[in-house]
Amino acid sequence: MNKMPDYDIPSVRLTSGLYALTKLACAGLTYVLISLLMLGFPQHNGVPEGWPLSIPYAIYAYGLPAALVADVLLRLLRSTSHIVSLVVYVAAGFGAGLWLAAEQGAELLLWGLAGILGLLLLRITQLGVERSPLLLPVFALFLPLLCLLLL
């Protein structure tokens, strides 16, 4: 039996754990950015006026699953094209916005477009946090918790 050296096989747990931490970090950074943008707008019990739900709920319950679906679709398509990636993320974002609007009783087109913007922001933050893997725990846990405590 041929034995393969251990250093040639990447750990599945390490790879999937790093992927999950990256997704949580990009969701956390997106939450902080949107919270900072919405800081000047009136809010009632943590929900900005005109929004059907709170910012963290929108990101973690609707945006993050849509980003995971988009990543699965990109993995299945095996495409490295940025155009295909953009199209898949736009479609998944529109789907997330429609899902949010259907469940929360909001306007479909408006929240479909908001879902596109939210998922594109998730993708941009993912590209940003992948460049600094040492900051992943900060963006995934500490910064969103600090933002929740302060806001």
N, C-alpha and C. Protein backbone atom coordinates (compact mmCIF):
# COMPACT_ATOMS: atom_id res chain seq x y z
N MET A 1 0.84 -1.17 0.00
CA MET A 1 0.00 0.00 0.00
C MET A 1 0.88 1.24 0.00
N ASN A 2 0.59 2.14 -0.92
CA ASN A 2 1.35 3.38 -1.00
C ASN A 2 0.82 4.38 0.02
N LYS A 3 1.73 4.88 0.81
CA LYS A 3 1.35 5.86 1.81
C LYS A 3 1.70 7.25 1.31
N MET A 4 0.72 8.15 1.39
CA MET A 4 0.94 9.52 0.94
C MET A 4 1.47 10.34 2.12
N PRO A 5 2.38 11.25 1.84
CA PRO A 5 2.85 12.12 2.92
C PRO A 5 1.71 12.99 3.46
N ASP A 6 1.72 13.23 4.76
CA ASP A 6 0.64 13.99 5.39
C ASP A 6 0.59 15.44 4.94
N TYR A 7 1.72 16.00 4.58
CA TYR A 7 1.75 17.42 4.24
C TYR A 7 1.15 17.71 2.87
N ASP A 8 0.87 16.71 2.05
CA ASP A 8 0.28 16.93 0.74
C ASP A 8 -1.25 17.02 0.78
N ILE A 9 -1.84 16.50 1.82
CA ILE A 9 -3.30 16.46 1.91
C ILE A 9 -3.76 17.57 2.86
N PRO A 10 -4.50 18.55 2.33
CA PRO A 10 -4.99 19.59 3.23
C PRO A 10 -6.08 19.03 4.14
N SER A 11 -6.11 19.46 5.35
CA SER A 11 -7.11 19.02 6.31
C SER A 11 -8.48 19.56 5.92
N VAL A 12 -9.44 18.69 5.83
CA VAL A 12 -10.79 19.09 5.47
C VAL A 12 -11.38 19.95 6.59
N ARG A 13 -11.11 19.57 7.83
CA ARG A 13 -11.63 20.35 8.96
C ARG A 13 -11.02 21.74 9.00
N LEU A 14 -9.73 21.82 8.71
CA LEU A 14 -9.08 23.12 8.71
C LEU A 14 -9.61 24.00 7.59
N THR A 15 -9.78 23.44 6.42
CA THR A 15 -10.29 24.19 5.27
C THR A 15 -11.72 24.65 5.51
N SER A 16 -12.58 23.76 5.98
CA SER A 16 -13.97 24.14 6.21
C SER A 16 -14.10 25.10 7.39
N GLY A 17 -13.26 24.94 8.39
CA GLY A 17 -13.28 25.87 9.52
C GLY A 17 -12.84 27.26 9.11
N LEU A 18 -11.82 27.34 8.28
CA LEU A 18 -11.35 28.63 7.80
C LEU A 18 -12.41 29.29 6.91
N TYR A 19 -13.10 28.48 6.10
CA TYR A 19 -14.19 29.00 5.26
C TYR A 19 -15.31 29.56 6.14
N ALA A 20 -15.71 28.81 7.17
CA ALA A 20 -16.78 29.26 8.06
C ALA A 20 -16.37 30.53 8.80
N LEU A 21 -15.13 30.57 9.27
CA LEU A 21 -14.66 31.76 9.97
C LEU A 21 -14.61 32.96 9.04
N THR A 22 -14.22 32.73 7.79
CA THR A 22 -14.20 33.82 6.81
C THR A 22 -15.61 34.34 6.54
N LYS A 23 -16.57 33.45 6.41
CA LYS A 23 -17.96 33.87 6.17
C LYS A 23 -18.50 34.64 7.37
N LEU A 24 -18.20 34.18 8.58
CA LEU A 24 -18.65 34.90 9.76
C LEU A 24 -17.97 36.25 9.88
N ALA A 25 -16.70 36.31 9.49
CA ALA A 25 -15.98 37.58 9.54
C ALA A 25 -16.53 38.58 8.54
N CYS A 26 -16.85 38.11 7.34
CA CYS A 26 -17.40 39.05 6.35
C CYS A 26 -18.81 39.47 6.75
N ALA A 27 -19.59 38.59 7.38
CA ALA A 27 -20.91 38.99 7.87
C ALA A 27 -20.77 39.99 9.02
N GLY A 28 -19.81 39.77 9.90
CA GLY A 28 -19.60 40.70 11.00
C GLY A 28 -19.15 42.06 10.53
N LEU A 29 -18.24 42.09 9.57
CA LEU A 29 -17.77 43.36 9.04
C LEU A 29 -18.88 44.08 8.28
N THR A 30 -19.69 43.33 7.56
CA THR A 30 -20.84 43.92 6.86
C THR A 30 -21.84 44.50 7.86
N TYR A 31 -22.07 43.77 8.95
CA TYR A 31 -22.96 44.27 9.99
C TYR A 31 -22.45 45.59 10.57
N VAL A 32 -21.17 45.66 10.85
CA VAL A 32 -20.60 46.88 11.41
C VAL A 32 -20.70 48.03 10.41
N LEU A 33 -20.39 47.77 9.15
CA LEU A 33 -20.45 48.84 8.14
C LEU A 33 -21.88 49.36 7.95
N ILE A 34 -22.84 48.46 7.85
CA ILE A 34 -24.23 48.90 7.67
C ILE A 34 -24.73 49.61 8.92
N SER A 35 -24.33 49.13 10.10
CA SER A 35 -24.73 49.80 11.34
C SER A 35 -24.16 51.21 11.41
N LEU A 36 -22.93 51.37 10.98
CA LEU A 36 -22.34 52.71 10.97
C LEU A 36 -23.04 53.62 9.96
N LEU A 37 -23.44 53.07 8.82
CA LEU A 37 -24.17 53.86 7.83
C LEU A 37 -25.56 54.26 8.32
N MET A 38 -26.19 53.39 9.09
CA MET A 38 -27.55 53.64 9.56
C MET A 38 -27.58 54.35 10.91
N LEU A 39 -26.44 54.76 11.41
CA LEU A 39 -26.35 55.38 12.73
C LEU A 39 -27.14 56.68 12.81
N GLY A 40 -27.17 57.44 11.75
CA GLY A 40 -27.87 58.73 11.76
C GLY A 40 -29.37 58.64 11.52
N PHE A 41 -29.86 57.47 11.15
CA PHE A 41 -31.28 57.31 10.86
C PHE A 41 -32.05 56.95 12.13
N PRO A 42 -33.32 57.37 12.22
CA PRO A 42 -34.11 57.04 13.42
C PRO A 42 -34.35 55.53 13.52
N GLN A 43 -34.30 55.03 14.75
CA GLN A 43 -34.50 53.61 15.00
C GLN A 43 -35.49 53.43 16.14
N HIS A 44 -36.17 52.30 16.10
CA HIS A 44 -37.10 51.95 17.16
C HIS A 44 -36.80 50.52 17.61
N ASN A 45 -36.31 50.36 18.83
CA ASN A 45 -35.92 49.05 19.38
C ASN A 45 -34.89 48.33 18.51
N GLY A 46 -33.94 49.04 17.99
CA GLY A 46 -32.88 48.45 17.19
C GLY A 46 -33.22 48.21 15.74
N VAL A 47 -34.43 48.56 15.33
CA VAL A 47 -34.86 48.38 13.94
C VAL A 47 -34.94 49.77 13.30
N PRO A 48 -34.14 50.00 12.25
CA PRO A 48 -34.22 51.30 11.57
C PRO A 48 -35.61 51.53 10.98
N GLU A 49 -36.01 52.79 10.97
CA GLU A 49 -37.33 53.14 10.44
C GLU A 49 -37.41 52.75 8.96
N GLY A 50 -38.49 52.09 8.59
CA GLY A 50 -38.68 51.65 7.22
C GLY A 50 -38.16 50.24 6.96
N TRP A 51 -37.43 49.68 7.91
CA TRP A 51 -36.92 48.31 7.77
C TRP A 51 -37.90 47.36 8.44
N PRO A 52 -38.12 46.19 7.85
CA PRO A 52 -39.03 45.24 8.50
C PRO A 52 -38.39 44.48 9.66
N LEU A 53 -37.06 44.52 9.78
CA LEU A 53 -36.36 43.78 10.83
C LEU A 53 -35.02 44.45 11.14
N SER A 54 -34.35 43.96 12.16
CA SER A 54 -33.09 44.56 12.57
C SER A 54 -31.96 44.23 11.59
N ILE A 55 -30.90 45.01 11.66
CA ILE A 55 -29.77 44.84 10.75
C ILE A 55 -29.07 43.49 10.93
N PRO A 56 -28.74 43.09 12.18
CA PRO A 56 -28.06 41.79 12.31
C PRO A 56 -28.93 40.62 11.85
N TYR A 57 -30.24 40.71 12.09
CA TYR A 57 -31.12 39.64 11.65
C TYR A 57 -31.15 39.55 10.13
N ALA A 58 -31.17 40.71 9.47
CA ALA A 58 -31.18 40.72 8.00
C ALA A 58 -29.90 40.12 7.45
N ILE A 59 -28.77 40.42 8.07
CA ILE A 59 -27.49 39.94 7.54
C ILE A 59 -27.29 38.46 7.85
N TYR A 60 -27.49 38.09 9.11
CA TYR A 60 -27.17 36.71 9.51
C TYR A 60 -28.25 35.70 9.13
N ALA A 61 -29.51 36.11 9.06
CA ALA A 61 -30.58 35.16 8.75
C ALA A 61 -30.89 35.08 7.26
N TYR A 62 -30.64 36.16 6.52
CA TYR A 62 -30.98 36.16 5.10
C TYR A 62 -29.74 36.29 4.21
N GLY A 63 -28.84 37.19 4.54
CA GLY A 63 -27.67 37.42 3.70
C GLY A 63 -26.65 36.30 3.73
N LEU A 64 -26.36 35.80 4.93
CA LEU A 64 -25.35 34.74 5.06
C LEU A 64 -25.77 33.44 4.38
N PRO A 65 -27.01 32.96 4.56
CA PRO A 65 -27.41 31.76 3.80
C PRO A 65 -27.39 31.97 2.29
N ALA A 66 -27.77 33.17 1.84
CA ALA A 66 -27.74 33.45 0.40
C ALA A 66 -26.30 33.45 -0.11
N ALA A 67 -25.35 33.96 0.68
CA ALA A 67 -23.94 33.94 0.28
C ALA A 67 -23.42 32.51 0.22
N LEU A 68 -23.87 31.67 1.14
CA LEU A 68 -23.46 30.26 1.11
C LEU A 68 -24.01 29.56 -0.14
N VAL A 69 -25.26 29.86 -0.49
CA VAL A 69 -25.85 29.28 -1.70
C VAL A 69 -25.09 29.77 -2.93
N ALA A 70 -24.73 31.04 -2.96
CA ALA A 70 -23.97 31.57 -4.09
C ALA A 70 -22.61 30.89 -4.20
N ASP A 71 -21.96 30.65 -3.07
CA ASP A 71 -20.67 29.95 -3.11
C ASP A 71 -20.80 28.51 -3.58
N VAL A 72 -21.89 27.86 -3.18
CA VAL A 72 -22.12 26.49 -3.66
C VAL A 72 -22.34 26.49 -5.17
N LEU A 73 -23.13 27.43 -5.66
CA LEU A 73 -23.37 27.52 -7.11
C LEU A 73 -22.08 27.80 -7.86
N LEU A 74 -21.25 28.69 -7.33
CA LEU A 74 -19.97 28.98 -7.99
C LEU A 74 -19.06 27.76 -7.97
N ARG A 75 -19.12 27.00 -6.89
CA ARG A 75 -18.31 25.78 -6.80
C ARG A 75 -18.79 24.74 -7.81
N LEU A 76 -20.12 24.63 -7.96
CA LEU A 76 -20.67 23.68 -8.93
C LEU A 76 -20.37 24.09 -10.37
N LEU A 77 -20.39 25.40 -10.62
CA LEU A 77 -20.10 25.89 -11.97
C LEU A 77 -18.62 25.82 -12.30
N ARG A 78 -17.78 25.77 -11.28
CA ARG A 78 -16.32 25.70 -11.43
C ARG A 78 -15.79 26.81 -12.32
N SER A 79 -16.33 27.97 -12.15
CA SER A 79 -15.91 29.10 -12.95
C SER A 79 -15.06 30.03 -12.11
N THR A 80 -14.01 30.55 -12.71
CA THR A 80 -13.15 31.51 -12.03
C THR A 80 -13.37 32.92 -12.56
N SER A 81 -14.33 33.07 -13.43
CA SER A 81 -14.63 34.37 -14.03
C SER A 81 -15.30 35.29 -13.00
N HIS A 82 -14.86 36.53 -12.99
CA HIS A 82 -15.45 37.51 -12.08
C HIS A 82 -16.86 37.90 -12.53
N ILE A 83 -17.11 37.83 -13.82
CA ILE A 83 -18.45 38.16 -14.34
C ILE A 83 -19.46 37.12 -13.87
N VAL A 84 -19.11 35.85 -13.95
CA VAL A 84 -20.00 34.79 -13.50
C VAL A 84 -20.23 34.91 -12.00
N SER A 85 -19.18 35.21 -11.26
CA SER A 85 -19.30 35.40 -9.82
C SER A 85 -20.24 36.55 -9.49
N LEU A 86 -20.11 37.65 -10.22
CA LEU A 86 -20.97 38.80 -10.01
C LEU A 86 -22.43 38.46 -10.31
N VAL A 87 -22.67 37.77 -11.40
CA VAL A 87 -24.04 37.39 -11.78
C VAL A 87 -24.65 36.47 -10.73
N VAL A 88 -23.89 35.50 -10.25
CA VAL A 88 -24.41 34.56 -9.25
C VAL A 88 -24.71 35.29 -7.95
N TYR A 89 -23.82 36.20 -7.54
CA TYR A 89 -24.06 36.94 -6.30
C TYR A 89 -25.24 37.91 -6.44
N VAL A 90 -25.42 38.52 -7.59
CA VAL A 90 -26.57 39.40 -7.81
C VAL A 90 -27.86 38.58 -7.76
N ALA A 91 -27.88 37.43 -8.41
CA ALA A 91 -29.08 36.58 -8.39
C ALA A 91 -29.38 36.09 -6.97
N ALA A 92 -28.35 35.67 -6.25
CA ALA A 92 -28.57 35.20 -4.87
C ALA A 92 -29.00 36.35 -3.97
N GLY A 93 -28.45 37.53 -4.18
CA GLY A 93 -28.86 38.69 -3.39
C GLY A 93 -30.30 39.08 -3.65
N PHE A 94 -30.71 39.05 -4.90
CA PHE A 94 -32.10 39.35 -5.23
C PHE A 94 -33.02 38.30 -4.62
N GLY A 95 -32.60 37.05 -4.66
CA GLY A 95 -33.38 35.98 -4.02
C GLY A 95 -33.48 36.17 -2.52
N ALA A 96 -32.38 36.59 -1.89
CA ALA A 96 -32.41 36.83 -0.44
C ALA A 96 -33.33 37.99 -0.10
N GLY A 97 -33.30 39.04 -0.93
CA GLY A 97 -34.20 40.17 -0.70
C GLY A 97 -35.66 39.79 -0.87
N LEU A 98 -35.95 38.97 -1.88
CA LEU A 98 -37.33 38.50 -2.08
C LEU A 98 -37.77 37.61 -0.93
N TRP A 99 -36.86 36.77 -0.45
CA TRP A 99 -37.15 35.89 0.68
C TRP A 99 -37.47 36.73 1.93
N LEU A 100 -36.66 37.75 2.18
CA LEU A 100 -36.88 38.63 3.31
C LEU A 100 -38.22 39.34 3.18
N ALA A 101 -38.50 39.88 2.00
CA ALA A 101 -39.75 40.62 1.79
C ALA A 101 -40.97 39.71 1.92
N ALA A 102 -40.87 38.50 1.42
CA ALA A 102 -42.00 37.58 1.50
C ALA A 102 -42.29 37.18 2.95
N GLU A 103 -41.26 36.97 3.74
CA GLU A 103 -41.47 36.56 5.12
C GLU A 103 -41.84 37.71 6.04
N GLN A 104 -41.34 38.89 5.75
CA GLN A 104 -41.55 40.02 6.65
C GLN A 104 -42.66 40.96 6.18
N GLY A 105 -43.25 40.70 5.03
CA GLY A 105 -44.33 41.54 4.53
C GLY A 105 -43.86 42.90 4.04
N ALA A 106 -42.71 42.94 3.40
CA ALA A 106 -42.16 44.20 2.91
C ALA A 106 -42.34 44.28 1.40
N GLU A 107 -41.93 45.41 0.84
CA GLU A 107 -42.04 45.63 -0.60
C GLU A 107 -41.03 44.76 -1.34
N LEU A 108 -41.48 44.00 -2.32
CA LEU A 108 -40.64 43.01 -2.99
C LEU A 108 -39.47 43.63 -3.76
N LEU A 109 -39.75 44.56 -4.63
CA LEU A 109 -38.70 45.10 -5.49
C LEU A 109 -37.65 45.87 -4.68
N LEU A 110 -38.10 46.67 -3.74
CA LEU A 110 -37.18 47.45 -2.91
C LEU A 110 -36.24 46.55 -2.13
N TRP A 111 -36.77 45.52 -1.51
CA TRP A 111 -35.93 44.64 -0.71
C TRP A 111 -35.16 43.65 -1.57
N GLY A 112 -35.63 43.38 -2.78
CA GLY A 112 -34.83 42.60 -3.72
C GLY A 112 -33.56 43.35 -4.10
N LEU A 113 -33.70 44.65 -4.37
CA LEU A 113 -32.53 45.48 -4.67
C LEU A 113 -31.63 45.65 -3.45
N ALA A 114 -32.25 45.78 -2.27
CA ALA A 114 -31.45 45.87 -1.04
C ALA A 114 -30.68 44.57 -0.80
N GLY A 115 -31.28 43.45 -1.15
CA GLY A 115 -30.59 42.16 -1.01
C GLY A 115 -29.38 42.07 -1.93
N ILE A 116 -29.52 42.62 -3.15
CA ILE A 116 -28.38 42.64 -4.07
C ILE A 116 -27.26 43.47 -3.48
N LEU A 117 -27.58 44.67 -2.99
CA LEU A 117 -26.54 45.52 -2.40
C LEU A 117 -25.91 44.88 -1.17
N GLY A 118 -26.73 44.25 -0.35
CA GLY A 118 -26.21 43.59 0.84
C GLY A 118 -25.29 42.44 0.52
N LEU A 119 -25.67 41.62 -0.46
CA LEU A 119 -24.83 40.47 -0.80
C LEU A 119 -23.55 40.89 -1.52
N LEU A 120 -23.63 41.94 -2.32
CA LEU A 120 -22.40 42.46 -2.93
C LEU A 120 -21.47 43.04 -1.88
N LEU A 121 -22.04 43.68 -0.86
CA LEU A 121 -21.21 44.16 0.24
C LEU A 121 -20.59 43.00 1.02
N LEU A 122 -21.36 41.93 1.19
CA LEU A 122 -20.80 40.72 1.81
C LEU A 122 -19.63 40.18 1.00
N ARG A 123 -19.77 40.16 -0.30
CA ARG A 123 -18.69 39.66 -1.18
C ARG A 123 -17.46 40.56 -1.12
N ILE A 124 -17.67 41.87 -1.11
CA ILE A 124 -16.54 42.80 -1.05
C ILE A 124 -15.81 42.65 0.28
N THR A 125 -16.56 42.53 1.36
CA THR A 125 -15.90 42.35 2.65
C THR A 125 -15.20 41.00 2.74
N GLN A 126 -15.76 39.99 2.06
CA GLN A 126 -15.08 38.69 2.03
C GLN A 126 -13.74 38.79 1.33
N LEU A 127 -13.71 39.50 0.22
CA LEU A 127 -12.44 39.69 -0.48
C LEU A 127 -11.44 40.47 0.38
N GLY A 128 -11.97 41.38 1.20
CA GLY A 128 -11.09 42.15 2.09
C GLY A 128 -10.55 41.35 3.25
N VAL A 129 -11.41 40.55 3.90
CA VAL A 129 -10.95 39.81 5.08
C VAL A 129 -10.08 38.62 4.71
N GLU A 130 -10.20 38.11 3.49
CA GLU A 130 -9.34 37.01 3.08
C GLU A 130 -7.89 37.42 2.97
N ARG A 131 -7.66 38.72 2.83
CA ARG A 131 -6.28 39.22 2.74
C ARG A 131 -5.59 39.30 4.10
N SER A 132 -6.36 39.30 5.17
CA SER A 132 -5.77 39.39 6.50
C SER A 132 -6.35 38.29 7.40
N PRO A 133 -5.85 37.07 7.27
CA PRO A 133 -6.44 35.96 8.04
C PRO A 133 -6.24 36.06 9.55
N LEU A 134 -5.28 36.83 9.99
CA LEU A 134 -5.08 36.96 11.43
C LEU A 134 -6.18 37.80 12.09
N LEU A 135 -6.86 38.62 11.30
CA LEU A 135 -7.94 39.45 11.84
C LEU A 135 -9.31 38.78 11.74
N LEU A 136 -9.38 37.56 11.24
CA LEU A 136 -10.66 36.87 11.08
C LEU A 136 -11.43 36.75 12.40
N PRO A 137 -10.81 36.33 13.50
CA PRO A 137 -11.58 36.25 14.75
C PRO A 137 -12.09 37.61 15.22
N VAL A 138 -11.34 38.65 14.97
CA VAL A 138 -11.78 40.00 15.37
C VAL A 138 -13.03 40.39 14.60
N PHE A 139 -13.02 40.19 13.29
CA PHE A 139 -14.18 40.55 12.48
C PHE A 139 -15.34 39.59 12.67
N ALA A 140 -15.06 38.34 13.00
CA ALA A 140 -16.12 37.35 13.15
C ALA A 140 -16.84 37.47 14.48
N LEU A 141 -16.13 37.83 15.55
CA LEU A 141 -16.74 37.78 16.86
C LEU A 141 -16.66 39.09 17.63
N PHE A 142 -15.48 39.60 17.82
CA PHE A 142 -15.29 40.72 18.74
C PHE A 142 -15.88 42.04 18.24
N LEU A 143 -15.65 42.37 17.00
CA LEU A 143 -16.17 43.64 16.46
C LEU A 143 -17.70 43.66 16.40
N PRO A 144 -18.38 42.59 15.92
CA PRO A 144 -19.86 42.61 15.94
C PRO A 144 -20.43 42.66 17.36
N LEU A 145 -19.80 41.96 18.31
CA LEU A 145 -20.28 42.01 19.68
C LEU A 145 -20.11 43.40 20.28
N LEU A 146 -19.00 44.03 19.99
CA LEU A 146 -18.77 45.39 20.46
C LEU A 146 -19.80 46.34 19.85
N CYS A 147 -20.10 46.14 18.59
CA CYS A 147 -21.10 46.98 17.92
C CYS A 147 -22.49 46.75 18.53
N LEU A 148 -22.82 45.52 18.85
CA LEU A 148 -24.11 45.24 19.49
C LEU A 148 -24.20 45.88 20.87
N LEU A 149 -23.10 45.87 21.61
CA LEU A 149 -23.11 46.47 22.94
C LEU A 149 -23.22 47.99 22.88
N LEU A 150 -22.54 48.61 21.91
CA LEU A 150 -22.54 50.05 21.82
C LEU A 150 -23.80 50.63 21.21
N LEU A 151 -24.42 49.88 20.30
CA LEU A 151 -25.62 50.40 19.64
C LEU A 151 -26.80 49.84 20.37
